[in-house]
N, C-alpha and C. Protein backbone atom coordinates (compact mmCIF):
# COMPACT_ATOMS: atom_id res chain seq x y z
N MET A 1 -192.90 113.50 92.37
CA MET A 1 -191.86 112.93 91.34
C MET A 1 -192.53 113.19 89.46
N GLU A 2 -191.84 113.98 89.11
CA GLU A 2 -192.52 114.35 88.05
C GLU A 2 -191.67 113.28 86.53
N ARG A 3 -191.98 113.30 85.96
CA ARG A 3 -191.80 111.82 84.57
C ARG A 3 -191.92 112.68 83.38
N PRO A 4 -190.97 113.32 82.91
CA PRO A 4 -190.81 113.97 81.55
C PRO A 4 -190.59 113.32 80.65
N TYR A 5 -189.87 112.30 81.20
CA TYR A 5 -189.62 110.88 80.12
C TYR A 5 -190.84 109.71 80.04
N LYS A 6 -191.84 110.37 80.90
CA LYS A 6 -192.66 108.80 80.82
C LYS A 6 -193.60 108.91 79.97
N THR A 7 -193.64 110.14 79.14
CA THR A 7 -194.77 109.92 77.97
C THR A 7 -194.00 110.19 77.13
N SER A 8 -192.91 110.83 76.88
CA SER A 8 -192.44 111.05 75.60
C SER A 8 -192.02 109.98 74.33
N LYS A 9 -191.64 108.62 74.99
CA LYS A 9 -192.00 107.80 73.49
C LYS A 9 -193.12 108.08 72.85
N GLU A 10 -194.04 108.05 73.58
CA GLU A 10 -195.75 107.88 72.91
C GLU A 10 -196.42 109.15 72.81
N ILE A 11 -195.90 110.14 73.46
CA ILE A 11 -197.01 111.64 73.04
C ILE A 11 -195.25 112.55 73.25
N PRO A 12 -195.02 112.60 72.20
CA PRO A 12 -194.02 113.66 72.16
C PRO A 12 -193.88 114.98 72.00
N GLU A 13 -195.24 114.95 72.08
CA GLU A 13 -195.92 116.70 72.12
C GLU A 13 -195.93 117.03 73.46
N LEU A 14 -196.64 116.10 74.14
CA LEU A 14 -196.47 116.47 75.43
C LEU A 14 -195.16 117.56 76.34
N CYS A 15 -194.32 116.90 75.88
CA CYS A 15 -193.06 117.60 76.48
C CYS A 15 -192.85 119.18 75.77
N LEU A 16 -193.63 119.17 75.02
CA LEU A 16 -194.01 120.69 74.36
C LEU A 16 -194.88 121.30 75.37
N SER A 17 -195.85 121.11 75.37
CA SER A 17 -197.25 122.29 76.13
C SER A 17 -196.82 122.35 77.75
N VAL A 18 -196.25 120.30 87.19
CA VAL A 18 -196.57 120.07 88.82
C VAL A 18 -195.25 119.97 90.34
N PRO A 19 -183.35 120.81 131.88
CA PRO A 19 -183.04 119.99 132.76
C PRO A 19 -183.52 119.69 134.44
N LEU A 20 -183.66 117.83 133.80
CA LEU A 20 -184.84 118.25 134.84
C LEU A 20 -184.09 118.49 135.99
N VAL A 21 -184.86 120.13 136.12
CA VAL A 21 -184.28 120.84 137.06
C VAL A 21 -185.10 120.45 138.35
N MET A 22 -184.28 119.76 139.09
CA MET A 22 -184.83 119.73 140.31
C MET A 22 -184.69 120.37 141.20
N CYS A 23 -185.47 121.26 141.70
CA CYS A 23 -185.81 122.56 142.61
C CYS A 23 -186.14 122.11 144.13
N MET A 24 -185.26 122.16 145.32
CA MET A 24 -185.69 122.06 146.57
C MET A 24 -185.67 122.89 147.05
N LYS A 25 -186.69 123.30 147.88
CA LYS A 25 -186.86 124.76 148.77
C LYS A 25 -186.51 124.30 150.14
N THR A 26 -185.44 124.58 150.79
CA THR A 26 -185.36 124.45 152.33
C THR A 26 -185.99 125.24 153.30
N TYR A 27 -186.78 125.35 153.97
CA TYR A 27 -187.11 126.51 154.58
C TYR A 27 -186.41 126.49 156.43
N ASN A 28 -186.35 127.31 156.39
CA ASN A 28 -185.42 127.37 157.93
C ASN A 28 -186.40 127.13 159.46
N TRP A 29 -187.20 127.30 159.18
CA TRP A 29 -188.27 126.98 160.23
C TRP A 29 -188.46 125.76 160.69
N PHE A 30 -188.30 124.90 159.39
CA PHE A 30 -188.03 123.42 159.83
C PHE A 30 -186.70 122.98 161.07
N ASN A 31 -185.71 124.04 160.73
CA ASN A 31 -184.28 123.84 161.84
C ASN A 31 -184.79 124.79 163.29
N ARG A 32 -185.88 124.87 163.97
CA ARG A 32 -186.17 125.32 165.10
C ARG A 32 -186.79 123.93 165.89
N ASN A 33 -187.01 122.92 164.91
CA ASN A 33 -187.49 122.06 166.26
C ASN A 33 -187.35 120.57 165.47
N ARG A 34 -186.27 119.57 166.43
CA ARG A 34 -186.01 118.30 166.31
C ARG A 34 -186.72 117.62 165.30
N PHE A 35 -188.10 117.32 165.62
CA PHE A 35 -189.00 116.86 165.38
C PHE A 35 -189.73 117.03 163.74
N LEU A 36 -189.55 118.47 163.64
CA LEU A 36 -189.61 119.08 162.36
C LEU A 36 -188.32 118.29 161.31
N SER A 37 -187.18 118.99 161.67
CA SER A 37 -186.28 118.51 161.13
C SER A 37 -186.28 116.57 161.02
N HIS A 38 -186.68 116.18 161.49
CA HIS A 38 -186.79 114.36 161.36
C HIS A 38 -187.55 114.54 159.93
N LEU A 39 -188.61 115.18 160.61
CA LEU A 39 -189.64 114.96 158.84
C LEU A 39 -189.17 115.48 158.01
N ARG A 40 -187.95 116.31 157.88
CA ARG A 40 -187.48 116.86 156.81
C ARG A 40 -187.10 115.77 155.80
N THR A 41 -186.02 115.17 156.84
CA THR A 41 -185.22 114.15 156.43
C THR A 41 -185.88 112.86 155.97
N SER A 42 -186.88 112.79 156.63
CA SER A 42 -187.72 111.42 155.94
C SER A 42 -188.24 112.12 155.03
N PHE A 43 -188.92 113.00 154.43
CA PHE A 43 -189.56 113.43 153.45
C PHE A 43 -188.69 113.30 152.53
N CYS A 44 -187.26 113.90 152.66
CA CYS A 44 -186.54 113.86 151.24
C CYS A 44 -185.95 112.79 150.69
N ALA A 45 -186.07 111.60 151.80
CA ALA A 45 -185.28 110.26 151.26
C ALA A 45 -186.55 109.59 150.71
N LEU A 46 -187.96 110.30 150.94
CA LEU A 46 -188.62 109.03 150.44
C LEU A 46 -189.11 110.19 148.93
N ALA A 47 -188.82 111.19 148.86
CA ALA A 47 -188.44 111.79 147.59
C ALA A 47 -187.61 111.28 146.49
N ILE A 48 -186.33 111.40 146.82
CA ILE A 48 -185.35 110.68 146.16
C ILE A 48 -185.54 109.69 145.56
N ALA A 49 -185.94 108.74 146.65
CA ALA A 49 -186.45 107.33 146.32
C ALA A 49 -187.26 106.62 145.59
N SER A 50 -188.52 107.37 145.45
CA SER A 50 -189.53 108.01 144.29
C SER A 50 -188.65 107.89 143.15
N ALA A 51 -188.09 109.16 143.12
CA ALA A 51 -187.64 109.42 142.14
C ALA A 51 -186.49 108.35 141.10
N VAL A 52 -185.77 107.77 142.14
CA VAL A 52 -185.41 106.58 141.41
C VAL A 52 -185.59 105.87 141.00
N LEU A 53 -187.08 105.21 141.86
CA LEU A 53 -188.05 104.12 140.95
C LEU A 53 -188.50 104.11 139.81
N THR A 54 -188.68 105.89 139.25
CA THR A 54 -189.67 106.00 138.21
C THR A 54 -188.56 106.05 136.93
N LEU A 55 -187.22 106.12 137.55
CA LEU A 55 -186.52 106.49 136.04
C LEU A 55 -186.13 105.40 134.82
N PRO A 56 -186.29 104.39 135.59
CA PRO A 56 -185.88 102.91 134.76
C PRO A 56 -187.33 102.81 133.84
N SER A 57 -188.57 103.22 134.00
CA SER A 57 -189.68 103.08 132.94
C SER A 57 -189.64 104.37 132.27
N SER A 58 -189.09 105.92 132.73
CA SER A 58 -189.06 106.80 132.08
C SER A 58 -188.07 106.68 130.78
N GLU A 59 -186.93 105.85 131.12
CA GLU A 59 -185.75 105.72 130.17
C GLU A 59 -186.60 104.80 129.07
N ALA A 60 -187.05 103.65 129.75
CA ALA A 60 -187.83 102.77 128.63
C ALA A 60 -188.77 103.43 127.52
N SER A 61 -189.35 104.54 128.28
CA SER A 61 -190.28 105.17 127.27
C SER A 61 -189.75 105.87 126.11
N ARG A 62 -188.16 106.14 125.99
CA ARG A 62 -187.76 107.01 125.36
C ARG A 62 -186.69 105.71 124.46
N ARG A 63 -186.77 104.76 124.95
CA ARG A 63 -186.11 103.86 124.06
C ARG A 63 -187.33 103.10 123.06
N GLU A 64 -188.41 103.12 123.61
CA GLU A 64 -189.57 102.46 122.80
C GLU A 64 -190.83 103.29 122.36
N PRO A 65 -191.14 103.46 121.04
CA PRO A 65 -192.13 104.50 120.65
C PRO A 65 -193.60 104.08 121.81
N ALA A 66 -194.55 104.84 122.07
CA ALA A 66 -195.44 104.58 122.68
C ALA A 66 -196.71 104.24 121.55
N ALA A 67 -197.28 103.20 122.40
CA ALA A 67 -198.30 102.64 121.15
C ALA A 67 -199.38 103.74 120.91
N GLY A 68 -200.06 103.99 120.15
CA GLY A 68 -200.90 105.08 119.80
C GLY A 68 -200.58 106.46 119.57
N ARG A 69 -199.11 106.58 119.85
CA ARG A 69 -198.63 108.16 119.60
C ARG A 69 -197.99 108.11 118.41
N PRO A 70 -198.13 109.71 117.73
CA PRO A 70 -197.73 109.45 115.98
C PRO A 70 -196.10 109.41 116.66
N GLU A 71 -195.19 109.00 115.61
CA GLU A 71 -193.64 109.31 115.81
C GLU A 71 -193.40 109.51 114.24
N PRO A 72 -192.53 110.61 114.37
CA PRO A 72 -192.18 111.16 112.83
C PRO A 72 -191.59 110.43 111.94
N ALA A 73 -191.60 110.50 110.62
CA ALA A 73 -191.31 109.60 109.67
C ALA A 73 -190.82 110.78 108.81
N SER A 74 -189.56 110.12 108.17
CA SER A 74 -188.90 111.07 106.99
C SER A 74 -187.73 110.22 106.44
N GLY A 75 -187.61 110.49 105.25
CA GLY A 75 -186.46 109.81 104.23
C GLY A 75 -186.50 110.11 102.88
N GLY A 76 -185.59 109.41 102.31
CA GLY A 76 -185.47 109.48 100.92
C GLY A 76 -186.69 108.03 100.20
N PHE A 77 -186.79 108.18 99.14
CA PHE A 77 -187.11 106.65 98.02
C PHE A 77 -186.71 106.86 96.63
N PHE A 78 -186.29 105.99 95.96
CA PHE A 78 -185.55 105.49 94.53
C PHE A 78 -186.51 104.63 94.05
N PRO A 79 -187.56 105.33 93.11
CA PRO A 79 -188.47 104.53 92.37
C PRO A 79 -187.64 103.68 91.03
N CYS A 80 -187.90 102.81 90.63
CA CYS A 80 -187.81 102.77 88.99
C CYS A 80 -188.64 102.04 88.27
N PHE A 81 -189.40 102.29 87.40
CA PHE A 81 -190.33 102.22 86.51
C PHE A 81 -190.09 101.40 85.47
N ASN A 82 -190.89 100.49 85.28
CA ASN A 82 -191.04 100.33 83.74
C ASN A 82 -192.83 99.92 83.39
N TYR A 83 -192.59 99.74 82.00
CA TYR A 83 -194.08 99.50 81.45
C TYR A 83 -194.69 98.72 81.36
N ALA A 84 -195.87 98.18 81.95
CA ALA A 84 -196.64 96.91 82.63
C ALA A 84 -196.92 96.65 81.36
N GLY A 85 -197.37 97.56 79.71
CA GLY A 85 -197.91 97.44 78.46
C GLY A 85 -197.89 98.57 78.36
N PRO A 86 -198.20 98.74 76.58
CA PRO A 86 -198.59 99.77 75.97
C PRO A 86 -199.26 101.15 76.57
N PRO A 87 -198.86 102.42 76.54
CA PRO A 87 -199.74 103.26 76.89
C PRO A 87 -201.55 103.38 76.17
N ARG A 88 -202.41 103.64 76.38
CA ARG A 88 -204.10 103.40 75.89
C ARG A 88 -203.98 104.86 75.90
N GLN A 89 -205.09 105.31 74.14
CA GLN A 89 -205.48 106.37 74.39
C GLN A 89 -207.26 106.37 75.05
N VAL A 90 -207.53 107.12 75.56
CA VAL A 90 -208.90 106.65 75.91
C VAL A 90 -209.15 108.23 76.06
N GLY A 91 -210.31 108.66 75.15
CA GLY A 91 -210.75 110.00 74.91
C GLY A 91 -209.82 110.86 74.39
N ASP A 92 -209.48 111.85 74.97
CA ASP A 92 -208.85 112.87 75.46
C ASP A 92 -206.99 112.51 75.80
N ASN A 93 -207.47 111.67 76.91
CA ASN A 93 -206.22 111.03 77.96
C ASN A 93 -205.35 110.11 77.25
N LEU A 94 -204.16 109.75 77.90
CA LEU A 94 -203.60 108.80 77.84
C LEU A 94 -203.45 107.63 79.19
N ILE A 95 -203.40 106.86 79.16
CA ILE A 95 -203.45 105.76 80.58
C ILE A 95 -202.07 104.85 80.42
N ILE A 96 -201.18 104.85 81.00
CA ILE A 96 -200.11 104.51 81.46
C ILE A 96 -199.54 103.56 82.56
N THR A 97 -199.91 102.38 82.86
CA THR A 97 -199.72 101.58 83.98
C THR A 97 -198.24 100.76 84.04
N PHE A 98 -197.37 101.09 84.93
CA PHE A 98 -195.94 100.94 85.24
C PHE A 98 -196.05 100.11 86.40
N ASN A 99 -195.26 98.75 86.40
CA ASN A 99 -194.63 98.33 87.31
C ASN A 99 -193.71 98.98 87.81
N VAL A 100 -193.65 99.17 89.51
CA VAL A 100 -193.03 100.29 90.18
C VAL A 100 -191.96 98.99 91.40
N SER A 101 -190.49 99.53 91.43
CA SER A 101 -189.95 98.84 92.78
C SER A 101 -189.33 100.24 92.66
N GLY A 102 -188.21 99.77 94.27
CA GLY A 102 -187.15 100.50 94.49
C GLY A 102 -187.22 100.56 95.75
N ALA A 103 -185.70 101.47 96.58
CA ALA A 103 -185.59 101.47 97.72
C ALA A 103 -185.91 102.62 98.37
N ALA A 104 -185.58 102.78 99.91
CA ALA A 104 -186.32 103.86 100.51
C ALA A 104 -185.06 103.88 101.67
N THR A 105 -185.21 105.08 102.23
CA THR A 105 -184.29 105.36 103.37
C THR A 105 -185.00 105.88 104.58
N GLY A 106 -184.16 105.73 105.56
CA GLY A 106 -184.76 106.77 106.83
C GLY A 106 -185.54 105.74 107.72
N THR A 107 -186.70 106.55 107.91
CA THR A 107 -187.67 106.10 108.75
C THR A 107 -188.16 104.90 108.26
N PHE A 108 -188.47 104.29 106.76
CA PHE A 108 -188.64 103.38 106.52
C PHE A 108 -187.32 102.74 105.64
N THR A 109 -186.93 101.78 106.11
CA THR A 109 -185.65 101.62 105.37
C THR A 109 -185.99 99.82 104.64
N GLY A 110 -185.70 100.15 103.34
CA GLY A 110 -186.34 98.56 102.90
C GLY A 110 -186.40 98.84 101.08
N SER A 111 -187.37 98.09 100.71
CA SER A 111 -187.73 97.85 99.18
C SER A 111 -189.11 97.92 99.09
N SER A 112 -189.24 97.86 98.08
CA SER A 112 -190.94 97.99 97.81
C SER A 112 -191.21 97.27 96.32
N VAL A 113 -192.44 97.00 96.05
CA VAL A 113 -192.59 96.46 94.83
C VAL A 113 -194.46 96.83 94.51
N GLY A 114 -194.75 96.98 93.36
CA GLY A 114 -196.21 97.05 93.16
C GLY A 114 -196.31 98.16 91.69
N THR A 115 -197.79 98.11 91.93
CA THR A 115 -198.01 99.17 90.36
C THR A 115 -198.78 100.24 90.65
N GLU A 116 -198.96 101.19 89.54
CA GLU A 116 -199.15 102.54 89.10
C GLU A 116 -199.98 103.20 88.11
N LEU A 117 -201.01 103.67 87.98
CA LEU A 117 -201.60 104.05 86.87
C LEU A 117 -201.63 105.10 86.69
N ASP A 118 -201.40 106.14 85.77
CA ASP A 118 -201.12 107.15 85.16
C ASP A 118 -201.91 107.64 84.60
N VAL A 119 -202.97 108.71 84.69
CA VAL A 119 -203.94 109.30 83.63
C VAL A 119 -203.03 110.60 82.90
N VAL A 120 -202.64 110.80 82.07
CA VAL A 120 -202.09 111.83 81.62
C VAL A 120 -203.32 112.95 80.58
N HIS A 121 -203.23 114.22 81.37
CA HIS A 121 -204.43 114.74 80.51
C HIS A 121 -203.66 115.42 79.23
N PRO A 122 -204.35 116.28 78.15
CA PRO A 122 -203.92 116.57 77.66
C PRO A 122 -202.94 118.14 77.41
N ASP A 123 -203.28 118.46 78.54
CA ASP A 123 -202.35 120.00 79.08
C ASP A 123 -200.83 119.46 79.43
N GLY A 124 -200.91 118.15 79.92
CA GLY A 124 -199.86 117.48 80.50
C GLY A 124 -199.77 117.54 81.93
N SER A 125 -200.89 117.51 82.51
CA SER A 125 -201.21 117.46 83.83
C SER A 125 -201.26 115.73 83.85
N ILE A 126 -201.06 115.31 85.28
CA ILE A 126 -200.65 113.83 85.26
C ILE A 126 -201.75 113.54 87.08
N SER A 127 -202.67 112.50 86.68
CA SER A 127 -203.46 112.34 88.24
C SER A 127 -203.05 110.97 87.95
N LEU A 128 -202.74 110.24 89.44
CA LEU A 128 -202.04 108.77 89.53
C LEU A 128 -202.35 108.04 90.98
N HIS A 129 -202.66 106.75 90.66
CA HIS A 129 -202.52 106.31 91.96
C HIS A 129 -202.27 104.85 92.08
N GLY A 130 -201.74 103.99 93.06
CA GLY A 130 -200.73 102.97 93.05
C GLY A 130 -201.02 102.30 94.29
N THR A 131 -200.56 100.90 94.46
CA THR A 131 -200.43 100.19 95.64
C THR A 131 -198.60 99.57 95.55
N LEU A 132 -198.21 99.80 96.77
CA LEU A 132 -196.57 99.38 97.30
C LEU A 132 -197.04 97.85 98.30
N LEU A 133 -196.40 97.27 98.06
CA LEU A 133 -195.84 96.31 99.32
C LEU A 133 -194.62 96.27 99.56
N PHE A 134 -194.51 97.25 100.76
CA PHE A 134 -193.03 97.68 101.62
C PHE A 134 -192.34 96.32 102.66
N THR A 135 -191.12 96.20 102.14
CA THR A 135 -190.81 94.84 103.14
C THR A 135 -189.33 95.37 103.84
N GLY A 136 -189.23 95.56 104.61
CA GLY A 136 -187.94 96.10 105.65
C GLY A 136 -188.49 96.63 107.06
N SER A 137 -188.25 97.64 107.37
CA SER A 137 -188.40 97.79 109.24
C SER A 137 -188.35 99.40 108.91
N ILE A 138 -189.18 99.87 110.21
CA ILE A 138 -189.53 101.21 110.33
C ILE A 138 -189.55 101.29 111.67
N ASN A 139 -188.58 102.29 112.18
CA ASN A 139 -187.92 102.95 113.46
C ASN A 139 -187.85 101.33 114.09
N GLY A 140 -186.98 100.61 113.55
CA GLY A 140 -186.43 99.29 113.54
C GLY A 140 -187.14 98.27 114.13
N ARG A 141 -188.55 98.28 113.77
CA ARG A 141 -189.32 96.97 113.50
C ARG A 141 -189.59 96.78 112.53
N SER A 142 -189.40 95.05 112.08
CA SER A 142 -189.32 94.53 110.66
C SER A 142 -190.46 94.16 110.39
N GLY A 143 -191.27 93.97 109.25
CA GLY A 143 -192.11 93.11 108.82
C GLY A 143 -192.45 94.00 107.22
N THR A 144 -193.62 93.65 107.02
CA THR A 144 -194.01 93.81 105.54
C THR A 144 -195.15 94.90 105.74
N LEU A 145 -195.75 95.94 104.94
CA LEU A 145 -196.71 97.14 105.09
C LEU A 145 -197.42 97.81 103.56
N LEU A 146 -198.58 97.59 103.54
CA LEU A 146 -199.29 97.48 102.33
C LEU A 146 -199.43 99.22 102.13
N LEU A 147 -199.19 99.60 101.28
CA LEU A 147 -199.35 101.19 101.17
C LEU A 147 -199.79 101.23 99.91
N SER A 148 -200.60 102.71 100.25
CA SER A 148 -201.61 103.06 98.98
C SER A 148 -201.17 104.41 98.29
N TYR A 149 -201.25 104.81 97.59
CA TYR A 149 -201.03 106.16 97.03
C TYR A 149 -201.70 106.99 96.32
N GLU A 150 -201.65 108.30 96.24
CA GLU A 150 -202.22 108.66 95.14
C GLU A 150 -201.63 110.12 94.92
N GLY A 151 -201.72 111.21 93.80
CA GLY A 151 -200.86 112.21 93.70
C GLY A 151 -201.28 112.77 92.54
N ILE A 152 -200.23 113.68 91.87
CA ILE A 152 -200.74 114.33 91.06
C ILE A 152 -199.22 114.89 90.12
N GLY A 153 -198.56 114.98 89.10
CA GLY A 153 -197.53 115.16 88.35
C GLY A 153 -198.18 115.91 87.08
N ASN A 154 -196.62 116.35 86.47
CA ASN A 154 -196.61 117.25 85.67
C ASN A 154 -195.57 116.56 84.29
N ALA A 155 -196.42 116.39 83.21
CA ALA A 155 -195.20 115.07 82.19
C ALA A 155 -194.29 116.06 81.62
N VAL A 156 -194.72 117.71 81.69
CA VAL A 156 -193.40 118.41 81.02
C VAL A 156 -192.26 118.73 81.62
N THR A 157 -192.54 119.06 83.30
CA THR A 157 -191.21 118.97 84.08
C THR A 157 -190.63 117.45 84.86
N GLY A 158 -191.78 116.81 84.98
CA GLY A 158 -191.72 115.76 85.54
C GLY A 158 -191.43 115.31 87.31
N HIS A 159 -192.20 116.32 87.90
CA HIS A 159 -192.54 116.64 88.81
C HIS A 159 -194.09 116.04 89.44
N GLU A 160 -193.55 115.47 90.65
CA GLU A 160 -194.72 114.66 91.17
C GLU A 160 -194.90 114.87 93.02
N THR A 161 -196.29 114.93 93.08
CA THR A 161 -196.86 114.94 94.55
C THR A 161 -197.49 113.54 95.18
N LEU A 162 -197.04 113.46 96.13
CA LEU A 162 -197.81 112.16 96.77
C LEU A 162 -198.01 112.12 97.83
N ARG A 163 -199.26 111.37 98.16
CA ARG A 163 -199.44 111.10 99.79
C ARG A 163 -199.92 109.46 99.79
N PHE A 164 -198.98 109.23 100.69
CA PHE A 164 -198.97 107.92 101.17
C PHE A 164 -200.00 107.50 102.25
N VAL A 165 -200.56 106.38 102.61
CA VAL A 165 -201.68 105.50 103.51
C VAL A 165 -200.91 104.12 103.96
N GLY A 166 -200.47 103.74 104.79
CA GLY A 166 -200.07 102.77 105.01
C GLY A 166 -200.62 101.67 106.05
N ARG A 167 -201.31 100.65 105.93
CA ARG A 167 -201.89 99.52 106.65
C ARG A 167 -201.47 98.28 106.53
N GLU A 168 -202.20 97.28 106.75
CA GLU A 168 -202.07 95.97 107.10
C GLU A 168 -200.51 95.51 107.09
N GLY A 169 -200.02 95.72 108.04
CA GLY A 169 -198.79 95.43 108.21
C GLY A 169 -198.75 93.90 108.83
N THR A 170 -197.42 93.09 108.62
CA THR A 170 -197.29 91.96 108.92
C THR A 170 -196.11 91.80 109.94
N GLY A 171 -195.79 91.27 110.76
CA GLY A 171 -194.85 90.34 111.59
C GLY A 171 -194.87 92.01 112.61
N ASP A 172 -193.48 92.39 112.96
CA ASP A 172 -193.75 93.41 114.12
C ASP A 172 -194.35 95.01 113.42
N LEU A 173 -194.45 94.89 112.46
CA LEU A 173 -195.62 95.78 111.49
C LEU A 173 -196.81 96.11 111.74
N ALA A 174 -197.46 94.33 112.26
CA ALA A 174 -198.85 94.82 112.33
C ALA A 174 -199.46 95.54 113.04
N GLY A 175 -200.57 95.83 112.84
CA GLY A 175 -201.49 97.45 113.50
C GLY A 175 -200.72 98.30 113.18
N ILE A 176 -199.68 98.40 112.45
CA ILE A 176 -199.27 100.14 112.39
C ILE A 176 -200.08 100.81 111.57
N TYR A 177 -200.10 102.57 111.42
CA TYR A 177 -200.64 103.22 110.59
C TYR A 177 -199.41 104.38 110.26
N ALA A 178 -199.63 104.48 108.96
CA ALA A 178 -198.55 105.22 108.45
C ALA A 178 -199.42 106.11 107.52
N ASN A 179 -198.69 107.47 107.47
CA ASN A 179 -199.42 108.66 107.09
C ASN A 179 -198.17 109.65 106.26
N VAL A 180 -197.80 109.43 104.96
CA VAL A 180 -196.61 110.32 104.93
C VAL A 180 -196.97 111.01 103.51
N THR A 181 -196.29 112.29 103.23
CA THR A 181 -196.54 112.97 101.94
C THR A 181 -194.87 112.81 101.28
N ALA A 182 -195.01 112.81 100.07
CA ALA A 182 -193.70 112.64 99.41
C ALA A 182 -193.74 113.68 98.09
N GLU A 183 -192.68 113.94 97.80
CA GLU A 183 -192.10 114.73 96.65
C GLU A 183 -191.04 114.23 95.82
N GLY A 184 -191.28 114.22 94.20
CA GLY A 184 -189.54 114.18 93.92
C GLY A 184 -189.78 114.14 92.20
N ASP A 185 -189.02 113.41 91.72
CA ASP A 185 -188.93 113.67 90.40
C ASP A 185 -188.40 112.47 89.60
N VAL A 186 -189.15 112.52 88.10
CA VAL A 186 -188.91 111.67 87.45
C VAL A 186 -188.26 111.49 86.18
N GLY A 187 -186.85 111.35 86.08
CA GLY A 187 -185.96 111.40 84.81
C GLY A 187 -185.66 110.35 84.03
N ALA A 188 -184.40 110.21 83.34
CA ALA A 188 -184.00 109.53 82.28
C ALA A 188 -184.12 108.03 82.60
N PRO A 189 -183.86 107.20 81.98
CA PRO A 189 -184.04 105.48 82.17
C PRO A 189 -182.37 105.22 82.87
N GLU A 190 -182.71 104.06 83.25
CA GLU A 190 -181.32 103.44 83.86
C GLU A 190 -181.68 101.81 83.77
N PRO A 191 -179.77 101.61 84.36
CA PRO A 191 -180.26 100.05 83.57
C PRO A 191 -181.44 99.28 84.47
N GLY A 192 -182.40 98.28 83.67
CA GLY A 192 -183.54 97.88 84.30
C GLY A 192 -184.40 98.57 84.94
N CYS A 193 -184.48 99.98 84.14
CA CYS A 193 -185.52 100.55 84.43
C CYS A 193 -186.08 101.51 83.61
N ASP A 194 -187.11 101.55 82.88
CA ASP A 194 -187.33 102.36 81.48
C ASP A 194 -187.73 103.86 82.24
N LEU A 195 -187.92 104.21 83.38
CA LEU A 195 -187.72 105.32 83.86
C LEU A 195 -187.53 105.37 85.26
N SER A 196 -186.57 106.21 86.11
CA SER A 196 -185.71 106.44 87.15
C SER A 196 -186.56 107.65 87.77
N GLY A 197 -186.41 107.84 89.08
CA GLY A 197 -186.26 108.97 90.08
C GLY A 197 -186.19 108.60 91.14
N GLN A 198 -186.01 109.76 91.96
CA GLN A 198 -186.07 110.01 93.46
C GLN A 198 -186.52 111.08 94.04
N GLY A 199 -186.94 111.18 95.55
CA GLY A 199 -187.23 112.20 96.27
C GLY A 199 -187.52 111.87 97.63
N THR A 200 -187.92 112.85 98.09
CA THR A 200 -188.08 112.73 99.48
C THR A 200 -189.66 112.64 100.30
N TYR A 201 -189.86 112.04 101.39
CA TYR A 201 -191.05 111.98 102.22
C TYR A 201 -191.14 112.32 103.40
N ALA A 202 -192.07 112.55 104.44
CA ALA A 202 -192.49 113.09 105.19
C ALA A 202 -193.63 112.78 106.33
N GLY A 203 -193.59 112.59 107.22
CA GLY A 203 -195.05 112.30 107.57
C GLY A 203 -195.04 111.79 109.14
N HIS A 204 -195.93 110.78 109.47
CA HIS A 204 -195.92 110.03 110.72
C HIS A 204 -196.43 108.49 110.55
N VAL A 205 -196.15 107.35 111.92
CA VAL A 205 -196.54 106.31 111.93
C VAL A 205 -197.10 106.33 113.16
N ILE A 206 -198.24 105.55 113.59
CA ILE A 206 -198.52 104.95 114.77
C ILE A 206 -198.25 103.41 115.09
N PHE A 207 -197.97 103.27 116.14
CA PHE A 207 -197.83 101.68 116.28
C PHE A 207 -198.81 101.09 117.04
N ALA A 208 -199.69 100.28 116.73
CA ALA A 208 -200.53 99.52 117.84
C ALA A 208 -199.93 99.15 119.19
N ARG A 209 -198.75 98.55 119.44
CA ARG A 209 -198.45 98.01 120.28
C ARG A 209 -196.54 98.43 120.67
């Protein structure tokens, strides 16, 4: 997510300078002997019974994510940024802290709140990191999840690239691990937001149970 307006109020010069195919084989020599024919019939009956008995567990495995197996994750997010305080000049860099909130759709459905710290360098590049507490559901399982992230941005274009890692879940999300990357853009203010943004994410989640 890029943030052309993130620094414009304080440093305007930066804006000028990121199918189960079951195949059965029939052997003609089975028909030459009644005993062998009986064996064939018994074998087929056992094979069909075995296939029927395995169907419920097979279908169940499609309904529930298997523990320890990565499940794909993707969707969108819509952050709202508010200044947590005035920007600070530290050497050649500008330090800005934001309170962040917003909704997410897709695999992650819910909302998040947290903080982010941006370091705006003299060339307009941004290095950033933050934490968010997500509340909602992931693949139908509800709870909370702590997300940590870091990334880079550009104060001129407003574009940002981020990597999120999620751990310390609660409720049905206890033991979950999430690893996603995201890209988005930060733009103009909206009601209740000093800056607003939108983007997309993709990656995977792993359920512990």
